[in-house]
Protein backbone atom coordinates (compact mmCIF):
# COMPACT_ATOMS: atom_id res chain seq x y z
CA MET A 1 -0.02 -52.93 74.42
CA GLU A 2 -2.33 -53.93 71.60
CA ALA A 3 -5.27 -51.83 73.13
CA THR A 4 -3.12 -48.79 73.35
CA VAL A 5 -1.78 -49.25 69.79
CA HIS A 6 -5.45 -49.69 68.35
CA PHE A 7 -6.49 -46.56 70.42
CA ILE A 8 -3.78 -44.49 68.82
CA ASN A 9 -4.55 -45.93 65.42
CA SER A 10 -8.37 -45.02 65.74
CA ILE A 11 -7.44 -41.37 66.43
CA ILE A 12 -4.98 -40.94 63.65
CA TRP A 13 -7.21 -42.76 61.11
CA SER A 14 -10.43 -40.91 61.92
CA LYS A 15 -12.64 -40.06 59.08
CA ALA A 16 -10.93 -36.61 59.03
CA LEU A 17 -7.81 -38.24 57.33
CA ILE A 18 -10.03 -39.96 54.76
CA VAL A 19 -11.70 -36.63 53.88
CA VAL A 20 -8.39 -34.82 53.70
CA CYS A 21 -6.69 -37.33 51.51
CA LEU A 22 -9.58 -37.69 49.00
CA GLY A 23 -10.29 -33.87 49.10
CA ALA A 24 -6.63 -33.06 48.47
CA GLY A 25 -6.54 -35.51 45.45
CA LEU A 26 -9.58 -33.75 43.87
CA TYR A 27 -8.14 -30.31 44.64
CA PHE A 28 -4.84 -31.02 43.00
CA SER A 29 -6.54 -32.79 40.07
CA LEU A 30 -8.44 -29.44 39.47
CA ARG A 31 -5.39 -27.21 40.08
CA THR A 32 -3.22 -29.26 37.63
CA ARG A 33 -6.20 -29.39 35.06
CA PHE A 34 -6.12 -33.15 35.49
CA MET A 35 -2.48 -33.56 34.36
CA GLN A 36 -2.79 -37.23 35.06
CA ILE A 37 -5.09 -37.50 32.11
CA ARG A 38 -3.58 -34.69 29.71
CA GLY A 39 0.03 -35.77 30.44
CA PHE A 40 -0.47 -39.62 30.37
CA PHE A 41 1.65 -40.20 27.21
CA GLU A 42 4.31 -37.77 28.52
CA MET A 43 4.39 -39.89 31.69
CA CYS A 44 5.10 -43.01 29.80
CA ARG A 45 7.70 -41.36 27.59
CA LEU A 46 9.60 -40.06 30.64
CA THR A 47 9.35 -43.34 32.56
CA VAL A 48 11.80 -44.99 30.19
CA LYS A 49 13.96 -41.97 29.40
CA GLY A 50 16.36 -40.41 31.77
CA GLU A 51 19.86 -39.63 32.74
CA LYS A 52 22.25 -40.87 35.56
CA SER A 53 25.15 -39.36 37.32
CA ASP A 54 27.35 -40.11 40.30
CA ALA A 55 25.05 -37.90 42.49
CA GLY A 56 21.72 -39.24 41.22
CA VAL A 57 19.88 -42.24 39.69
CA SER A 58 18.01 -42.49 36.45
CA SER A 59 14.15 -41.61 36.31
CA PHE A 60 13.46 -45.22 35.88
CA GLN A 61 15.58 -46.27 38.96
CA ALA A 62 13.93 -43.60 40.87
CA LEU A 63 10.61 -44.88 39.76
CA ALA A 64 11.70 -48.53 40.69
CA MET A 65 12.76 -47.27 44.01
CA SER A 66 9.57 -45.54 44.80
CA MET A 67 7.55 -48.43 43.31
CA ALA A 68 9.47 -50.71 45.72
CA GLY A 69 7.94 -48.63 48.60
CA ARG A 70 4.44 -48.49 47.06
CA MET A 71 4.24 -52.02 45.88
CA GLY A 72 4.30 -53.85 49.19
CA ILE A 73 1.92 -56.12 50.98
CA GLY A 74 -0.77 -53.47 50.71
CA ASN A 75 -1.16 -54.54 47.14
CA ILE A 76 -2.13 -58.10 48.16
CA ALA A 77 -3.13 -58.33 51.78
CA GLY A 78 -4.24 -54.69 51.86
CA VAL A 79 -6.68 -55.25 49.08
CA ALA A 80 -8.08 -58.45 50.61
CA THR A 81 -8.49 -56.68 53.90
CA ALA A 82 -10.39 -53.88 52.19
CA ILE A 83 -12.79 -56.38 50.60
CA ALA A 84 -13.16 -58.12 53.91
CA PHE A 85 -14.26 -55.08 55.84
CA GLY A 86 -15.67 -52.69 53.08
CA GLY A 87 -17.07 -55.25 50.72
CA PRO A 88 -16.17 -55.56 46.86
CA GLY A 89 -17.11 -51.73 46.50
CA ALA A 90 -13.93 -50.84 48.33
CA ILE A 91 -12.05 -51.65 45.14
CA PHE A 92 -13.87 -48.96 43.24
CA TRP A 93 -12.81 -46.35 45.88
CA MET A 94 -9.28 -47.67 45.62
CA TRP A 95 -9.45 -46.77 41.88
CA VAL A 96 -10.82 -43.30 42.73
CA MET A 97 -7.92 -42.74 45.22
CA GLY A 98 -5.39 -43.97 42.68
CA PHE A 99 -6.86 -41.58 39.98
CA LEU A 100 -6.92 -38.59 42.09
CA GLY A 101 -3.83 -39.62 44.09
CA ALA A 102 -1.68 -39.25 40.75
CA SER A 103 -2.00 -35.58 40.88
CA THR A 104 -1.05 -35.49 44.63
CA SER A 105 1.93 -37.58 43.80
CA TYR A 106 2.91 -35.12 41.07
CA VAL A 107 2.85 -32.18 43.48
CA GLU A 108 4.76 -33.86 46.32
CA CYS A 109 7.51 -35.45 44.00
CA THR A 110 7.95 -32.26 42.03
CA LEU A 111 8.42 -30.36 45.38
CA ALA A 112 11.08 -32.80 46.28
CA GLN A 113 12.97 -32.23 43.09
CA ILE A 114 12.79 -28.44 43.40
CA TYR A 115 14.11 -28.30 46.97
CA LYS A 116 16.67 -31.23 46.67
CA THR A 117 20.15 -30.93 48.02
CA LYS A 118 23.43 -33.00 48.23
CA ASP A 119 24.59 -34.91 51.23
CA ALA A 120 28.18 -35.13 52.64
CA GLU A 121 28.87 -37.86 50.13
CA GLY A 122 27.57 -35.83 47.09
CA ARG A 123 24.28 -37.77 46.72
CA TYR A 124 20.97 -36.21 45.99
CA ARG A 125 18.67 -36.08 48.98
CA GLY A 126 15.21 -34.74 49.34
CA GLY A 127 11.65 -35.28 50.55
CA PRO A 128 8.98 -33.56 52.71
CA ALA A 129 11.39 -32.52 55.37
CA TYR A 130 13.63 -30.72 52.89
CA TYR A 131 10.77 -28.86 51.13
CA ILE A 132 8.89 -28.05 54.40
CA GLU A 133 12.00 -26.34 55.78
CA LYS A 134 12.91 -24.55 52.45
CA ALA A 135 9.45 -23.58 51.17
CA MET A 136 7.61 -23.05 54.55
CA GLY A 137 10.53 -22.00 56.65
CA LEU A 138 9.35 -24.12 59.58
CA LYS A 139 12.32 -26.16 60.80
CA TRP A 140 10.33 -27.60 63.80
CA TYR A 141 7.72 -28.84 61.31
CA ALA A 142 10.32 -30.38 59.02
CA LEU A 143 12.04 -32.06 61.99
CA ALA A 144 8.74 -33.37 63.09
CA PHE A 145 8.18 -35.05 59.81
CA ALA A 146 11.75 -36.37 59.64
CA ILE A 147 11.42 -37.99 63.05
CA ALA A 148 7.93 -39.35 62.32
CA THR A 149 9.40 -40.85 59.13
CA ILE A 150 12.39 -42.39 60.87
CA ILE A 151 10.06 -44.06 63.44
CA ALA A 152 7.43 -45.09 60.98
CA ALA A 153 9.64 -46.27 58.04
CA GLY A 154 12.33 -47.48 60.35
CA PHE A 155 10.55 -49.21 63.04
CA LEU A 156 6.76 -49.35 62.47
CA MET A 157 5.95 -50.23 58.86
CA PRO A 158 8.70 -52.99 58.15
CA GLY A 159 6.89 -55.36 60.60
CA VAL A 160 3.77 -55.46 58.45
CA GLN A 161 5.90 -56.56 55.41
CA ALA A 162 7.77 -59.11 57.40
CA ASN A 163 4.70 -60.58 59.06
CA ALA A 164 3.06 -61.01 55.56
CA ILE A 165 6.10 -62.78 54.27
CA ALA A 166 6.09 -65.16 57.30
CA ASP A 167 2.33 -65.78 57.22
CA SER A 168 2.29 -66.40 53.50
CA VAL A 169 5.11 -68.98 53.66
CA ILE A 170 3.19 -70.77 56.46
CA ASN A 171 -0.01 -70.72 54.50
CA ALA A 172 1.68 -72.30 51.40
CA CYS A 173 3.74 -74.69 53.53
CA ARG A 174 1.40 -76.00 55.96
CA GLY A 175 0.31 -79.66 55.26
CA THR A 176 2.88 -80.26 52.66
CA ALA A 177 5.59 -82.89 52.84
CA VAL A 178 8.14 -80.14 53.60
CA CYS A 179 6.56 -78.71 56.75
CA GLY A 180 3.69 -81.19 57.75
CA PRO A 181 0.69 -79.99 59.89
CA LEU A 182 2.72 -77.53 61.98
CA ASP A 183 0.97 -78.51 65.21
CA GLY A 184 4.08 -79.66 67.27
CA GLN A 185 6.73 -77.89 69.37
CA MET A 186 10.20 -76.68 68.40
CA LEU A 187 12.87 -74.82 70.45
CA GLY A 188 10.34 -74.27 73.33
CA MET A 189 7.61 -72.67 71.18
CA SER A 190 5.00 -73.88 68.72
CA SER A 191 6.17 -75.04 65.18
CA VAL A 192 4.53 -72.06 63.64
CA GLU A 193 6.32 -69.56 65.98
CA ALA A 194 9.57 -71.21 65.37
CA LEU A 195 9.10 -71.10 61.59
CA LYS A 196 8.11 -67.51 61.71
CA LEU A 197 11.09 -66.64 63.84
CA GLY A 198 13.30 -68.49 61.26
CA ILE A 199 11.79 -66.65 58.30
CA GLY A 200 12.16 -63.29 60.06
CA ILE A 201 15.91 -63.95 60.75
CA ALA A 202 16.49 -64.99 57.00
CA VAL A 203 14.77 -61.96 55.72
CA ALA A 204 16.63 -59.66 58.13
CA LEU A 205 19.99 -61.16 56.94
CA LEU A 206 19.08 -60.58 53.30
CA LEU A 207 17.99 -57.07 53.96
CA GLY A 208 21.25 -56.44 55.75
CA VAL A 209 23.19 -57.48 52.67
CA VAL A 210 21.30 -55.04 50.58
CA ILE A 211 21.04 -51.86 52.79
CA PHE A 212 24.73 -52.07 53.94
CA GLY A 213 25.50 -51.66 50.06
CA GLY A 214 24.15 -48.01 50.11
CA VAL A 215 21.67 -46.28 47.80
CA LYS A 216 23.17 -47.37 44.57
CA ARG A 217 22.68 -50.99 45.52
CA ILE A 218 19.14 -50.39 46.62
CA ALA A 219 18.41 -48.60 43.20
CA ASN A 220 20.02 -51.34 41.10
CA PHE A 221 18.24 -54.12 43.10
CA ALA A 222 14.81 -52.36 42.64
CA GLU A 223 15.44 -51.69 39.09
CA VAL A 224 15.65 -55.41 38.34
CA VAL A 225 13.26 -56.95 40.77
CA VAL A 226 10.27 -54.53 40.74
CA PRO A 227 9.25 -54.74 37.12
CA PHE A 228 9.73 -58.46 36.98
CA MET A 229 7.56 -59.07 40.08
CA ALA A 230 4.94 -56.95 39.05
CA ALA A 231 4.64 -58.34 35.47
CA ALA A 232 4.48 -61.97 36.89
CA PHE A 233 1.72 -61.14 39.34
CA ILE A 234 -0.37 -59.23 36.83
CA LEU A 235 0.11 -61.97 34.31
CA MET A 236 -1.11 -64.51 36.93
CA ALA A 237 -4.16 -62.29 37.47
CA ILE A 238 -4.94 -62.28 33.76
CA VAL A 239 -4.61 -66.21 33.66
CA ILE A 240 -7.13 -66.32 36.55
CA MET A 241 -9.65 -64.07 34.83
CA ILE A 242 -9.29 -65.95 31.53
CA ILE A 243 -10.05 -69.38 33.33
CA ASN A 244 -12.92 -67.60 35.08
CA TYR A 245 -14.03 -65.56 32.08
CA ASP A 246 -17.81 -66.35 32.67
CA ARG A 247 -17.66 -64.57 36.13
CA VAL A 248 -15.90 -61.33 34.99
CA PRO A 249 -19.12 -59.40 34.18
CA GLU A 250 -20.64 -60.40 37.45
CA MET A 251 -17.46 -59.33 39.17
CA PHE A 252 -17.51 -55.88 37.74
CA GLY A 253 -21.30 -55.59 38.68
CA ILE A 254 -20.63 -56.44 42.21
CA ILE A 255 -17.84 -53.90 42.48
CA PHE A 256 -19.96 -51.07 41.13
CA ASP A 257 -23.24 -51.99 42.87
CA SER A 258 -21.65 -52.36 46.23
CA ALA A 259 -19.52 -49.21 45.82
CA PHE A 260 -22.77 -47.06 45.53
CA GLY A 261 -24.80 -49.07 48.01
CA THR A 262 -27.20 -50.67 45.47
CA HIS A 263 -26.21 -54.29 45.90
CA ALA A 264 -28.69 -56.31 48.03
CA ALA A 265 -26.01 -57.93 50.26
CA PHE A 266 -23.45 -54.97 50.56
CA GLY A 267 -25.83 -52.09 50.50
CA ALA A 268 -25.49 -51.23 54.01
CA MET A 269 -21.66 -50.98 53.76
CA MET A 270 -21.31 -48.20 51.35
CA GLY A 271 -19.66 -46.07 54.10
CA LEU A 272 -17.25 -48.72 54.90
CA ALA A 273 -16.58 -49.37 51.24
CA VAL A 274 -15.36 -45.61 50.92
CA GLU A 275 -13.53 -45.70 54.17
CA TRP A 276 -11.62 -49.04 53.61
CA GLY A 277 -11.18 -48.31 49.91
CA ILE A 278 -9.39 -44.96 50.55
CA LYS A 279 -7.54 -46.19 53.67
CA ARG A 280 -5.95 -49.19 51.93
CA GLY A 281 -5.66 -47.18 48.62
CA ILE A 282 -3.42 -44.84 50.59
CA TYR A 283 -1.47 -47.63 52.18
CA ALA A 284 -0.95 -49.31 48.76
CA ASN A 285 -0.11 -46.44 46.49
CA GLU A 286 1.17 -43.96 49.24
CA ALA A 287 0.07 -40.89 47.38
CA GLY A 288 0.18 -37.98 49.75
CA GLN A 289 1.93 -40.06 52.44
CA GLY A 290 5.28 -38.45 51.58
CA SER A 291 7.16 -41.60 50.92
CA GLY A 292 7.46 -41.28 47.05
CA PRO A 293 9.33 -37.89 47.24
CA HIS A 294 12.37 -39.36 48.79
CA ALA A 295 13.09 -41.47 45.75
CA ALA A 296 11.89 -38.83 43.44
CA ALA A 297 14.52 -36.37 44.76
CA ALA A 298 17.24 -38.90 43.97
CA SER A 299 16.76 -38.90 40.26
CA GLU A 300 18.91 -36.94 37.71
CA VAL A 301 16.66 -34.78 35.57
CA SER A 302 16.81 -31.43 33.80
CA HIS A 303 13.50 -30.19 35.10
CA PRO A 304 11.69 -31.15 38.45
CA ALA A 305 8.25 -31.70 36.67
CA LYS A 306 9.83 -34.56 34.80
CA GLN A 307 10.08 -36.70 37.88
CA GLY A 308 6.73 -35.46 38.96
CA TYR A 309 5.27 -36.93 35.77
CA VAL A 310 7.01 -40.24 36.33
CA GLN A 311 5.88 -40.57 39.91
CA ALA A 312 2.16 -39.64 38.86
CA PHE A 313 2.47 -42.64 36.61
CA ALA A 314 3.74 -44.82 39.40
CA ILE A 315 0.31 -44.33 41.13
CA TYR A 316 -1.54 -45.53 38.09
CA PHE A 317 0.72 -48.66 37.75
CA ASP A 318 0.39 -49.39 41.41
CA THR A 319 -3.30 -49.08 41.95
CA MET A 320 -4.94 -49.55 38.55
CA MET A 321 -2.74 -52.53 37.59
CA VAL A 322 -1.27 -54.30 40.61
CA CYS A 323 -4.03 -53.64 43.08
CA THR A 324 -6.70 -54.32 40.51
CA ALA A 325 -4.84 -57.75 39.54
CA THR A 326 -5.17 -58.79 43.27
CA ALA A 327 -8.93 -57.72 43.46
CA PHE A 328 -9.68 -59.65 40.27
CA LEU A 329 -8.17 -62.83 41.10
CA ILE A 330 -9.84 -62.78 44.57
CA LEU A 331 -13.31 -61.81 43.34
CA ALA A 332 -13.13 -63.87 40.20
CA SER A 333 -12.51 -66.96 42.15
CA GLY A 334 -14.88 -66.12 44.90
CA THR A 335 -12.23 -66.78 47.68
CA TYR A 336 -13.08 -64.05 50.06
CA ASN A 337 -15.14 -63.17 53.12
CA VAL A 338 -17.02 -60.01 53.89
CA TYR A 339 -17.65 -59.25 57.60
CA SER A 340 -20.72 -57.63 58.90
CA PRO A 341 -20.34 -54.16 60.32
CA VAL A 342 -22.47 -55.21 63.21
CA GLU A 343 -20.24 -56.87 65.82
CA GLY A 344 -20.91 -60.52 66.44
CA ALA A 345 -23.17 -60.90 63.30
CA ALA A 346 -22.70 -63.48 60.73
CA PRO A 347 -20.47 -62.69 57.69
CA VAL A 348 -22.38 -60.90 54.86
CA PHE A 349 -20.56 -63.19 52.40
CA GLN A 350 -18.39 -66.27 53.11
CA GLY A 351 -16.41 -67.79 50.49
CA LEU A 352 -13.62 -69.23 52.71
CA ALA A 353 -13.61 -71.06 56.03
CA GLY A 354 -10.83 -70.73 58.30
CA VAL A 355 -8.83 -68.27 56.47
CA PRO A 356 -8.21 -64.83 58.05
CA GLU A 357 -8.32 -61.80 56.07
CA GLY A 358 -5.30 -60.78 54.15
CA ALA A 359 -2.82 -62.46 51.75
CA GLY A 360 -4.49 -65.93 52.41
CA TYR A 361 -7.44 -64.81 50.23
CA ALA A 362 -5.17 -64.35 47.24
CA GLN A 363 -3.36 -67.62 47.98
CA ALA A 364 -6.69 -69.45 48.11
CA GLY A 365 -7.97 -67.87 44.91
CA VAL A 366 -4.85 -68.90 42.77
CA GLU A 367 -4.74 -72.29 44.57
CA ALA A 368 -8.45 -72.96 43.73
CA VAL A 369 -7.65 -72.52 40.06
CA LEU A 370 -4.20 -73.94 39.97
CA PRO A 371 -3.88 -76.39 42.73
CA GLY A 372 -0.60 -77.61 44.03
CA TRP A 373 1.34 -74.53 43.36
CA GLY A 374 -0.90 -71.44 43.39
CA ALA A 375 -0.30 -70.68 47.10
CA ALA A 376 3.38 -71.05 46.65
CA PHE A 377 3.41 -68.71 43.75
CA VAL A 378 1.62 -65.97 45.74
CA SER A 379 3.90 -66.51 48.60
CA ILE A 380 6.88 -65.91 46.37
CA ALA A 381 5.17 -62.75 44.93
CA ILE A 382 4.51 -61.46 48.45
CA PHE A 383 8.15 -62.08 49.47
CA PHE A 384 9.26 -59.94 46.60
CA PHE A 385 6.71 -57.31 47.14
CA ALA A 386 7.33 -57.09 50.85
CA PHE A 387 11.11 -57.25 50.76
CA THR A 388 11.58 -54.48 48.21
CA THR A 389 9.17 -52.37 50.28
CA ILE A 390 11.18 -52.86 53.51
CA MET A 391 14.29 -52.02 51.39
CA ALA A 392 12.56 -48.75 50.38
CA TYR A 393 11.47 -47.99 53.91
CA TYR A 394 15.06 -48.05 54.95
CA TYR A 395 15.98 -45.58 52.18
CA MET A 396 13.28 -43.30 53.42
CA ALA A 397 14.36 -43.49 57.11
CA GLU A 398 18.07 -43.01 56.05
CA THR A 399 17.11 -39.86 54.06
CA ASN A 400 15.30 -38.37 56.99
CA LEU A 401 18.17 -39.39 59.29
CA THR A 402 20.55 -37.44 56.88
CA TYR A 403 18.28 -34.37 57.24
CA VAL A 404 18.29 -34.59 61.13
CA ASN A 405 22.02 -34.89 60.93
CA HIS A 406 22.14 -31.68 58.67
CA ASN A 407 23.52 -33.62 55.77
CA LYS A 408 26.66 -34.58 57.55
CA LYS A 409 28.21 -38.00 57.60
CA ARG A 410 27.64 -39.68 61.01
CA PRO A 411 28.05 -43.43 60.58
CA LEU A 412 27.05 -44.35 64.03
CA THR A 413 23.49 -43.08 63.62
CA VAL A 414 23.14 -44.91 60.24
CA LEU A 415 24.48 -48.20 61.85
CA VAL A 416 21.87 -47.85 64.76
CA LEU A 417 19.05 -47.38 62.08
CA ARG A 418 20.18 -50.26 60.03
CA LEU A 419 20.46 -52.62 63.09
CA GLY A 420 17.07 -51.31 64.32
CA ILE A 421 15.08 -51.95 61.04
CA ILE A 422 16.76 -55.55 60.89
CA ALA A 423 15.57 -56.19 64.51
CA MET A 424 12.10 -54.88 63.56
CA VAL A 425 11.87 -57.17 60.67
CA VAL A 426 12.44 -60.16 63.07
CA PHE A 427 10.00 -58.77 65.59
CA GLY A 428 7.27 -58.20 62.94
CA ALA A 429 7.64 -61.61 61.43
CA PHE A 430 7.31 -63.32 64.81
CA HIS A 431 4.22 -61.33 66.23
CA ASN A 432 0.64 -61.43 65.20
CA ALA A 433 -0.57 -59.73 62.05
CA THR A 434 -3.16 -57.56 63.88
CA LEU A 435 -0.51 -55.83 65.90
CA ALA A 436 1.95 -55.46 62.90
CA TRP A 437 -0.96 -53.88 60.70
CA ALA A 438 -2.02 -51.54 63.53
CA LEU A 439 1.63 -50.38 64.00
CA GLY A 440 2.02 -49.98 60.25
CA ASP A 441 -1.18 -47.93 60.06
CA ILE A 442 0.02 -45.49 62.81
CA GLY A 443 3.18 -44.97 60.75
CA VAL A 444 1.37 -44.20 57.50
CA GLY A 445 -1.18 -42.02 59.13
CA LEU A 446 1.31 -39.88 60.92
CA MET A 447 3.34 -39.24 57.68
CA ALA A 448 0.11 -38.63 55.79
CA TRP A 449 -1.28 -35.92 58.09
CA LEU A 450 2.01 -33.95 58.29
CA ASN A 451 2.72 -34.28 54.57
CA ILE A 452 -0.67 -33.44 53.12
CA ILE A 453 -1.11 -30.39 55.17
CA ALA A 454 2.32 -29.16 54.15
CA ILE A 455 1.78 -29.73 50.34
CA LEU A 456 -1.59 -28.04 50.44
CA ILE A 457 0.18 -25.00 51.82
CA ILE A 458 3.27 -24.91 49.56
CA GLN A 459 1.81 -26.28 46.42
CA LYS A 460 2.59 -23.11 44.30
CA PRO A 461 6.09 -23.95 43.23
CA ALA A 462 4.97 -27.41 41.79
CA MET A 463 2.10 -25.61 39.86
CA LEU A 464 4.73 -22.94 38.35
CA ALA A 465 6.97 -25.98 37.40
CA LEU A 466 4.13 -27.59 35.56
CA ARG A 467 3.29 -24.66 33.69
CA ASP A 468 6.91 -24.01 32.87
CA TYR A 469 7.47 -27.54 31.71
CA GLU A 470 4.31 -27.40 29.38
CA ARG A 471 5.27 -24.00 27.95
CA GLN A 472 8.93 -25.17 26.92
CA LYS A 473 7.41 -28.38 25.60
CA LYS A 474 5.13 -26.43 23.23
CA LEU A 475 8.25 -24.67 21.98
CA GLY A 476 9.84 -27.90 21.00
CA LEU A 477 12.43 -27.66 23.79
CA ASP A 478 13.86 -30.27 26.12
CA PRO A 479 12.66 -28.32 29.31
CA THR A 480 15.22 -27.09 31.77
CA PHE A 481 14.59 -25.37 35.07
CA ASP A 482 15.29 -21.87 36.22
CA PRO A 483 13.77 -21.14 39.59
CA ASP A 484 14.71 -17.38 39.49
CA ALA A 485 12.70 -16.93 36.42
CA LEU A 486 9.59 -18.44 38.12
CA GLY A 487 10.07 -16.56 41.26
CA ILE A 488 10.83 -19.69 43.30
CA LYS A 489 13.06 -19.06 46.41
CA ASN A 490 15.45 -21.34 48.14
CA ALA A 491 15.78 -23.83 45.28
CA ASP A 492 19.51 -23.64 45.96
CA PHE A 493 20.48 -26.71 44.07
CA TRP A 494 19.03 -25.57 40.85
CA ARG A 495 20.26 -22.12 41.33
CA GLN A 496 23.88 -23.35 41.62
CA ARG A 497 23.43 -25.70 38.58
CA LYS A 498 22.40 -22.69 36.54
CA GLN A 499 25.38 -20.68 37.51
CA GLU A 500 27.79 -23.54 36.83
CA SER A 501 26.29 -23.98 33.42
CA VAL A 502 26.86 -20.30 32.52
């Protein structure tokens, strides 16, 4: 099975996808005249200002929901893996992907707002499947994305997050008075396997409590947890940097030198730095993947571009702050390995012994500076990061299931989805990390291919919305949206809202 999974993964994540993602970000940055720079203060203003309704959530709640999806294990284990296989230079290319990806996020999330609709229960729904059908008129393409997302978000990607939770708990627990050496047998399996199974069941039960409460409970949970966990993790990284202040200049030097192939040790890895930086950058911030638009469509705004701005800011926060925090605490403490691109060769750099690439790097880094509780702190952070991401994955899968059901209420299909994602959490926690990551990569890659091609074709309405928003702002207005005035067709929700307000 693993060989088949890795073969499929190598096809989906060929260099073509790397080029397309990077190229799309550059193209949209030019088309929007670098709105991620020009509109930075507007992004910040709109993030904390917004409206709610029975049908939709506030802009901040939509941001928190999308950040719950973006800020997962990719922000910790993904960053560490990028360093392991691409060298420290991979961090620079994650920054590049984050900067360019902000414009991609604006386009896809604004499209989601333009073409959103209401489901049978009166809640806002939207995302790539909806704008592909309405803007492209290709129902088969929209259905393909919806099915791919149900499979990816509902069954493939949750296992990565659950596996990381289980592994981080074992890393923090092993050798302590609570767990001991974990080298015995329990319930007919090894102690590690039994503990991972127990963790998976516990996470699955907690997930069930949240997702059976519906979209509003997901939004309320994310609104509280996401800002708190992000702030705590960033604060920890700052503390690590202050303690290791003398290594900070060297750390920046290594990142930039290895990014451009001028570092003596990492010079031969420049290509891998680009590949792994972009690959893990996409996994971490999800720009272009098509996940963010689902939450963006759920927000209550007077103009689609407002949520586009907010979601562009989400990319900055995710990559420039959270991913950077992970990279800094790993590099500043020197707790990482970099593997040679030549199979069987000795590591290019080895700062750890016996620690596999992933979240263990971050745990070792914090533990080295704050012994006794550093690994446990990172384990708790990983739990919140990963759990909220699984929660967001469910929302994405449910939204696409709603699309497949033609916005009709079909409780049995929703129940199957809920039970399926709960089962996959247990499966992912119990099985090995390599298989979990490979399955997750397949899910991310499928969604990215389908979504990026679509938004490159149907980008025009998002550009029209941006110009319209900027025009109204210059006139001192609180922008409102009229699709007919802009020549945008099939924006049925906004057309109906206009008619009701007359």
